[in-house]
Amino acid sequence: MQSSTSSPQSAAGNINPFLYHVSFSKSTSPQGPHQPQIDTGREFTGHMGASAFINGFCKLATLHLTDVHTHRNLESRMNWASFYAVISGINRHSTGIGRIWLSVLFIFRILVLVVAAESVWGDEKAHFICNTQQPGCNSVCYDHFFPISHIRLWSLQLITVSTPALLVAMHIAHRRHIDKKLYRQAGRTCPNDIEQIKNQKFKITGALWWTYIISLLFRVLFESAFMYLFYMIYPGYKMFRLVKCDSYPCPNTVDCFVSRPTEKTVFTIFMLSVSGVCILLNIAEIIFLVARATTRRINSSRDTAVGAWISQKLCSF
């Protein structure tokens, strides 16, 4: 892996996410504290895999947020790149459908949420205006029509849906711990052996198969629950331009206006559509794993029967 000698670009839009590594540090730098520091010593060469592709765009999205919201405390924001690093640990042990699900999760959900959706909903409270000067009326009406922010609900959904993947990660970590223990008992303490265990790819069979299936079922359950919850809070998934509110302390029925309703409706439908696609991918992966396990069981039984028949014929001579 060769280090790049090209100088970093000044504009965030010109930065190649595969050529630069963006990190945040508490130490002061010429750019100021909590500013992105460009490391040109890490360059991706050769074929770009899906993990490097998504990871690069996560870093670019983090840099974009820094340029747009430099006045905010970056440590209080969710580091989606680190979140991806945790979840993608099981990517190499997943099926092809599982890798597609992870790509859809980060490209069409997290990146859209971080880069675009937050800017659309950033002014929802300030620009929710009611035609009254009564103190507290705006806040009460906003809380009535928007009990939970779309951004916070989607963030909670993404975290909850991704949590079952940790079951598979913990199962794999436990398997590796057992393998390391067996290696030490056998006197194999060579660093190459330990590295081989770390890079070992596990097949989805046996107990790992059950863990993987359970994690997929939880994903489908959580996705469906959040879509139903979203429908209960916002019936029809549509943002209205004008809403009428008569909650206390409003003096009477007042008209309240929602900012950018069409844009918010488009984003809402897009995010919910991607959630539906993720549900279909999880169901397809469950069907694929069950079908593959059934095929293996049938082939194993057939091979056992053929072997027994051959042994019987040989013994009859």
Protein backbone atom coordinates (compact mmCIF):
# COMPACT_ATOMS: atom_id res chain seq x y z
CA MET A 1 0.00 0.00 0.00
CA GLN A 2 1.60 3.21 -1.19
CA SER A 3 1.14 6.62 0.34
CA SER A 4 -0.18 9.41 -1.79
CA THR A 5 1.89 12.49 -2.48
CA SER A 6 -0.93 14.65 -3.80
CA SER A 7 -2.07 17.57 -1.69
CA PRO A 8 -5.56 17.52 -0.16
CA GLN A 9 -8.20 19.61 -1.79
CA SER A 10 -9.64 22.52 0.15
CA ALA A 11 -13.25 22.03 -0.80
CA ALA A 12 -15.20 19.19 0.77
CA GLY A 13 -16.85 18.37 -2.51
CA ASN A 14 -13.49 17.74 -4.23
CA ILE A 15 -12.17 15.33 -1.64
CA ASN A 16 -11.86 11.76 -2.79
CA PRO A 17 -13.17 9.60 0.07
CA PHE A 18 -11.00 6.68 -1.07
CA LEU A 19 -7.77 8.72 -1.08
CA TYR A 20 -8.02 10.53 2.24
CA HIS A 21 -8.71 9.36 5.73
CA VAL A 22 -10.77 11.81 7.81
CA SER A 23 -10.48 11.65 11.57
CA PHE A 24 -11.40 13.87 14.49
CA SER A 25 -9.04 14.66 17.30
CA LYS A 26 -9.32 16.60 20.54
CA SER A 27 -5.89 18.07 20.08
CA THR A 28 -5.59 21.50 18.56
CA SER A 29 -4.58 21.80 14.94
CA PRO A 30 -4.16 24.64 12.43
CA GLN A 31 -7.78 24.09 11.51
CA GLY A 32 -8.91 24.37 15.12
CA PRO A 33 -10.17 21.77 17.63
CA HIS A 34 -12.52 19.06 16.50
CA GLN A 35 -11.75 19.79 12.85
CA PRO A 36 -11.12 17.05 10.30
CA GLN A 37 -7.49 16.16 9.83
CA ILE A 38 -6.55 14.71 6.47
CA ASP A 39 -4.29 11.70 6.48
CA THR A 40 -2.85 11.22 3.00
CA GLY A 41 -0.92 8.15 4.05
CA ARG A 42 -3.85 5.80 3.54
CA GLU A 43 -4.72 5.14 -0.06
CA PHE A 44 -6.96 2.46 -1.44
CA THR A 45 -5.42 0.70 -4.41
CA GLY A 46 -6.64 -2.08 -6.63
CA HIS A 47 -10.22 -3.28 -6.62
CA MET A 48 -12.56 -1.29 -4.37
CA GLY A 49 -14.82 -3.55 -2.35
CA ALA A 50 -18.25 -2.63 -1.05
CA SER A 51 -16.92 -2.08 2.48
CA ALA A 52 -14.29 0.41 1.33
CA PHE A 53 -16.85 2.13 -0.88
CA ILE A 54 -19.36 2.68 1.94
CA ASN A 55 -16.67 3.50 4.48
CA GLY A 56 -15.26 6.20 2.20
CA PHE A 57 -18.64 7.78 1.73
CA CYS A 58 -19.29 7.67 5.49
CA LYS A 59 -16.08 9.64 6.03
CA LEU A 60 -17.06 12.08 3.31
CA ALA A 61 -20.48 12.55 4.91
CA THR A 62 -18.83 13.21 8.27
CA LEU A 63 -16.59 15.82 6.65
CA HIS A 64 -19.62 17.39 4.97
CA LEU A 65 -21.38 17.74 8.31
CA THR A 66 -18.28 19.42 9.72
CA ASP A 67 -18.28 22.06 6.99
CA VAL A 68 -22.00 22.72 7.32
CA HIS A 69 -22.33 22.61 11.11
CA THR A 70 -18.97 23.79 12.46
CA HIS A 71 -20.72 25.57 15.31
CA ARG A 72 -22.07 22.33 16.75
CA ASN A 73 -20.28 20.00 19.10
CA LEU A 74 -19.16 17.12 16.90
CA GLU A 75 -18.58 14.81 19.85
CA SER A 76 -22.31 14.89 20.62
CA ARG A 77 -23.19 13.76 17.09
CA MET A 78 -23.37 10.11 16.19
CA ASN A 79 -20.24 8.89 14.43
CA TRP A 80 -21.83 6.86 11.66
CA ALA A 81 -18.44 5.73 10.37
CA SER A 82 -17.71 4.03 13.71
CA PHE A 83 -21.22 2.60 13.70
CA TYR A 84 -20.52 1.13 10.27
CA ALA A 85 -17.22 -0.33 11.48
CA VAL A 86 -19.05 -2.24 14.23
CA ILE A 87 -21.85 -3.58 12.05
CA SER A 88 -19.68 -4.39 9.04
CA GLY A 89 -17.62 -6.78 11.17
CA ILE A 90 -20.10 -9.53 10.26
CA ASN A 91 -20.21 -8.53 6.59
CA ARG A 92 -17.56 -11.05 5.51
CA HIS A 93 -19.52 -13.85 7.20
CA SER A 94 -22.85 -12.87 5.60
CA THR A 95 -24.50 -14.10 2.45
CA GLY A 96 -24.65 -12.03 -0.73
CA ILE A 97 -28.13 -10.83 0.21
CA GLY A 98 -26.82 -9.75 3.61
CA ARG A 99 -24.12 -7.64 1.96
CA ILE A 100 -26.74 -5.99 -0.23
CA TRP A 101 -28.81 -5.21 2.88
CA LEU A 102 -25.82 -3.57 4.55
CA SER A 103 -25.13 -1.48 1.44
CA VAL A 104 -28.76 -0.34 1.25
CA LEU A 105 -28.72 0.45 4.97
CA PHE A 106 -25.73 2.77 4.75
CA ILE A 107 -26.04 4.28 1.28
CA PHE A 108 -29.80 4.83 1.04
CA ARG A 109 -30.65 5.31 4.71
CA ILE A 110 -27.79 6.52 6.87
CA LEU A 111 -26.07 8.70 4.25
CA VAL A 112 -29.39 10.22 3.17
CA LEU A 113 -30.30 10.79 6.80
CA VAL A 114 -26.98 12.40 7.69
CA VAL A 115 -26.30 14.42 4.55
CA ALA A 116 -29.76 15.48 3.34
CA ALA A 117 -32.62 14.76 5.72
CA GLU A 118 -31.12 16.58 8.71
CA SER A 119 -30.90 19.81 6.71
CA VAL A 120 -34.55 19.46 5.64
CA TRP A 121 -35.81 18.98 9.20
CA GLY A 122 -33.30 21.33 10.80
CA ASP A 123 -35.76 24.23 10.87
CA GLU A 124 -38.96 22.34 11.65
CA LYS A 125 -39.46 23.91 15.10
CA ALA A 126 -38.31 27.44 14.26
CA HIS A 127 -40.41 27.65 11.07
CA PHE A 128 -43.56 26.08 12.51
CA ILE A 129 -45.62 29.28 12.71
CA CYS A 130 -49.13 29.79 14.06
CA ASN A 131 -51.20 32.93 13.45
CA THR A 132 -51.32 33.92 17.10
CA GLN A 133 -49.12 35.79 19.54
CA GLN A 134 -50.26 33.76 22.55
CA PRO A 135 -47.15 32.60 24.46
CA GLY A 136 -46.67 28.84 24.36
CA CYS A 137 -49.25 28.21 21.64
CA ASN A 138 -46.65 27.45 18.96
CA SER A 139 -44.79 24.97 21.17
CA VAL A 140 -47.94 23.16 22.29
CA CYS A 141 -49.29 22.85 18.75
CA TYR A 142 -45.93 21.66 17.43
CA ASP A 143 -45.75 18.99 20.13
CA HIS A 144 -49.31 17.93 19.28
CA PHE A 145 -48.68 17.41 15.57
CA PHE A 146 -45.04 16.26 15.85
CA PRO A 147 -44.74 14.23 19.08
CA ILE A 148 -41.38 12.88 17.92
CA SER A 149 -39.11 14.25 15.23
CA HIS A 150 -38.75 12.26 12.01
CA ILE A 151 -34.97 12.44 12.30
CA ARG A 152 -34.91 11.07 15.84
CA LEU A 153 -37.41 8.35 14.99
CA TRP A 154 -35.38 7.26 11.96
CA SER A 155 -32.15 7.33 13.98
CA LEU A 156 -33.76 5.17 16.66
CA GLN A 157 -35.05 2.83 13.96
CA LEU A 158 -31.62 2.44 12.36
CA ILE A 159 -29.96 1.68 15.69
CA THR A 160 -32.68 -0.79 16.71
CA VAL A 161 -32.70 -2.56 13.33
CA SER A 162 -28.89 -2.87 13.32
CA THR A 163 -28.70 -4.20 16.89
CA PRO A 164 -29.61 -7.85 16.02
CA ALA A 165 -26.47 -7.99 13.88
CA LEU A 166 -24.51 -7.78 17.13
CA LEU A 167 -25.87 -11.22 18.05
CA VAL A 168 -23.98 -12.68 15.10
CA ALA A 169 -20.89 -10.61 15.95
CA MET A 170 -20.90 -11.89 19.55
CA HIS A 171 -21.39 -15.48 18.37
CA ILE A 172 -18.40 -15.19 16.02
CA ALA A 173 -16.29 -13.56 18.75
CA HIS A 174 -17.16 -16.46 21.09
CA ARG A 175 -16.17 -19.00 18.42
CA ARG A 176 -12.84 -17.25 17.91
CA HIS A 177 -12.23 -17.16 21.66
CA ILE A 178 -12.77 -20.92 21.84
CA ASP A 179 -10.43 -21.51 18.88
CA LYS A 180 -7.71 -19.38 20.50
CA LYS A 181 -8.10 -21.35 23.72
CA LEU A 182 -7.76 -24.66 21.86
CA TYR A 183 -4.69 -23.37 20.02
CA ARG A 184 -3.02 -22.37 23.30
CA GLN A 185 -3.80 -25.75 24.85
CA ALA A 186 -2.19 -27.42 21.82
CA GLY A 187 0.89 -25.23 22.22
CA ARG A 188 0.28 -23.28 19.01
CA THR A 189 1.05 -19.74 20.13
CA CYS A 190 2.63 -18.59 16.88
CA PRO A 191 1.46 -15.10 15.83
CA ASN A 192 0.57 -16.50 12.41
CA ASP A 193 -1.84 -18.97 14.01
CA ILE A 194 -3.52 -16.20 16.01
CA GLU A 195 -3.78 -14.06 12.89
CA GLN A 196 -5.29 -16.98 11.02
CA ILE A 197 -8.02 -17.23 13.65
CA LYS A 198 -8.79 -13.52 13.33
CA ASN A 199 -9.11 -13.79 9.54
CA GLN A 200 -11.05 -17.04 9.63
CA LYS A 201 -14.38 -16.96 7.79
CA PHE A 202 -17.16 -18.95 9.42
CA LYS A 203 -19.80 -20.79 7.44
CA ILE A 204 -23.42 -20.19 8.40
CA THR A 205 -24.11 -23.69 9.70
CA GLY A 206 -25.00 -25.26 13.02
CA ALA A 207 -25.46 -22.87 15.94
CA LEU A 208 -24.35 -19.89 13.85
CA TRP A 209 -27.18 -20.65 11.42
CA TRP A 210 -29.75 -20.38 14.21
CA THR A 211 -28.17 -17.16 15.52
CA TYR A 212 -28.22 -15.64 12.04
CA ILE A 213 -31.85 -16.64 11.43
CA ILE A 214 -32.93 -15.19 14.80
CA SER A 215 -31.16 -11.92 14.02
CA LEU A 216 -32.96 -11.71 10.67
CA LEU A 217 -36.33 -12.36 12.30
CA PHE A 218 -35.68 -9.57 14.81
CA ARG A 219 -34.74 -7.22 11.96
CA VAL A 220 -38.03 -7.89 10.18
CA LEU A 221 -39.94 -7.48 13.45
CA PHE A 222 -38.28 -4.17 14.33
CA GLU A 223 -38.64 -2.76 10.80
CA SER A 224 -42.34 -3.66 10.72
CA ALA A 225 -42.93 -2.26 14.22
CA PHE A 226 -41.34 1.08 13.36
CA MET A 227 -43.29 1.38 10.10
CA TYR A 228 -46.51 0.73 12.01
CA LEU A 229 -45.48 3.22 14.71
CA PHE A 230 -44.72 5.80 12.04
CA TYR A 231 -48.15 5.25 10.50
CA MET A 232 -49.86 5.64 13.89
CA ILE A 233 -48.04 8.93 14.59
CA TYR A 234 -48.28 10.35 11.06
CA PRO A 235 -51.31 8.78 9.30
CA GLY A 236 -50.90 8.64 5.56
CA TYR A 237 -47.20 9.52 5.77
CA LYS A 238 -48.08 12.96 4.36
CA MET A 239 -46.99 16.37 5.65
CA PHE A 240 -49.76 18.97 5.43
CA ARG A 241 -49.06 22.60 4.64
CA LEU A 242 -51.73 23.85 7.03
CA VAL A 243 -52.92 22.32 10.31
CA LYS A 244 -55.51 23.64 12.74
CA CYS A 245 -54.82 23.59 16.46
CA ASP A 246 -57.10 24.36 19.41
CA SER A 247 -54.92 23.08 22.25
CA TYR A 248 -54.47 25.10 25.41
CA PRO A 249 -53.12 27.84 25.79
CA CYS A 250 -54.23 28.83 22.28
CA PRO A 251 -57.14 31.30 22.61
CA ASN A 252 -59.13 29.61 19.83
CA THR A 253 -58.63 27.42 16.77
CA VAL A 254 -55.50 28.75 15.10
CA ASP A 255 -53.87 28.01 11.76
CA CYS A 256 -50.33 26.63 11.86
CA PHE A 257 -48.04 26.36 8.86
CA VAL A 258 -45.44 23.62 8.30
CA SER A 259 -42.20 24.51 6.54
CA ARG A 260 -41.22 22.60 3.36
CA PRO A 261 -44.09 20.07 3.52
CA THR A 262 -43.58 18.70 -0.02
CA GLU A 263 -39.87 18.08 0.50
CA LYS A 264 -40.53 16.41 3.83
CA THR A 265 -43.22 14.21 2.30
CA VAL A 266 -40.80 13.07 -0.42
CA PHE A 267 -38.12 12.21 2.14
CA THR A 268 -40.65 10.39 4.33
CA ILE A 269 -41.91 8.23 1.46
CA PHE A 270 -38.33 7.53 0.33
CA MET A 271 -37.16 6.43 3.80
CA LEU A 272 -40.22 4.24 4.33
CA SER A 273 -39.80 2.70 0.87
CA VAL A 274 -36.19 1.80 1.68
CA SER A 275 -37.41 0.27 4.95
CA GLY A 276 -39.77 -1.90 2.91
CA VAL A 277 -36.90 -2.93 0.63
CA CYS A 278 -34.84 -3.91 3.70
CA ILE A 279 -37.72 -6.05 4.97
CA LEU A 280 -37.93 -7.84 1.61
CA LEU A 281 -34.15 -8.41 1.61
CA ASN A 282 -34.28 -9.90 5.11
CA ILE A 283 -37.17 -12.20 4.17
CA ALA A 284 -35.33 -13.24 1.00
CA GLU A 285 -32.21 -14.02 3.03
CA ILE A 286 -34.24 -16.15 5.47
CA ILE A 287 -35.75 -18.11 2.57
CA PHE A 288 -32.30 -18.54 1.01
CA LEU A 289 -30.73 -19.83 4.23
CA VAL A 290 -33.61 -22.22 4.94
CA ALA A 291 -33.55 -23.54 1.37
CA ARG A 292 -29.77 -24.01 1.44
CA ALA A 293 -29.91 -25.80 4.80
CA THR A 294 -32.71 -28.06 3.53
CA THR A 295 -30.74 -28.88 0.38
CA ARG A 296 -27.67 -29.76 2.43
CA ARG A 297 -29.74 -32.00 4.70
CA ILE A 298 -31.28 -33.82 1.73
CA ASN A 299 -27.91 -34.26 0.01
CA SER A 300 -26.34 -35.50 3.25
CA SER A 301 -29.13 -38.06 3.76
CA ARG A 302 -28.83 -39.18 0.15
CA ASP A 303 -25.05 -39.58 0.42
CA THR A 304 -25.49 -41.56 3.63
CA ALA A 305 -28.04 -43.86 1.98
CA VAL A 306 -25.83 -44.39 -1.07
CA GLY A 307 -22.82 -45.11 1.14
CA ALA A 308 -24.78 -47.66 3.17
CA TRP A 309 -26.01 -49.37 -0.03
CA ILE A 310 -22.45 -49.58 -1.41
CA SER A 311 -21.14 -51.00 1.88
CA GLN A 312 -23.91 -53.60 1.90
CA LYS A 313 -23.10 -54.70 -1.65
CA LEU A 314 -19.38 -54.92 -0.92
CA CYS A 315 -19.99 -57.01 2.20
CA SER A 316 -22.23 -59.41 0.27
CA PHE A 317 -19.33 -60.59 -1.92
